[in-house]
Amino acid sequence: QVQLVESGGGLVQAGDSLSLSCAASGRTFTMAWFRQAPGKEREFVAAISWAAIGWPGDRYYTDSVKGRFTISGDNAKTTVYLQMNSLKPEDTARYYCAASKIRSVTETRREMYDYWGQGTQVTVSS
């Protein structure tokens, strides 16, 4: 069983930046960030493949955050970060860290992720 603990959420203004981190208690193949806004489904944000890290295609983003968000990881391959720049009010959501035993960085389906954190709230005011 892998435990995930997120940190770094908060309240910011539109255009500001915020960084999230997620520490895992063990290694997995893929780690990702999802988010869920009130009344909406939990949606994929970004993923990183530990197996492919450093190679082209080791990260994957949903279209709405491309160019604004960056996912990265530490050398131990147990902590993942999400740097969020140029935040918009529509980025407001609870952000969840997830980890999967599969080796697909383009996997966006929630059910394919085996472990989840408790989430951290990100609120962007206009």
Foldseek 3Di string as FASTA:
>chain_A
DKAKAKDWADEEAAQAKTKMKIFIPDAAFKKFKWWDDPPDDIWGAKMAGPVQPPHPPRMDGDPVQPPFWDWDDDPVRGMIMIIGGRDDQVVWTWMKMFGANDNDRPDIDPVRTDYIYPTDTHGYHD
